[in-house]
Amino acid sequence: MNKLQSLREKLNLTQEELAQKSNISVRTIQRIEAGQSPKGYTLRALAQALNVEESEFSAYDIPLESENLRWIK
């Protein structure tokens, strides 16, 4: 289980609810939970929807694209 899925489940949100709350498609959330690297704007939207800092994701197993790392630092 990756950090996104862990945070989502901790808040008792379904993928559909998180998608609605973050304005990100369910398919994108599924891909990130399956290990695909999120884009910077996607990461920001998810962090905001989950009420966490973007850096929260970097400490776990969500692979971040190198381009996104500059936004987190």
Foldseek 3Di string as FASTA:
>chain_A
DWPLVVLCVVVPHDLVRLCVLLVHDSVVVVVQVVADADDQSSLVSSCVSSVHQSVSRVVIRRDHDPVNVVVRD
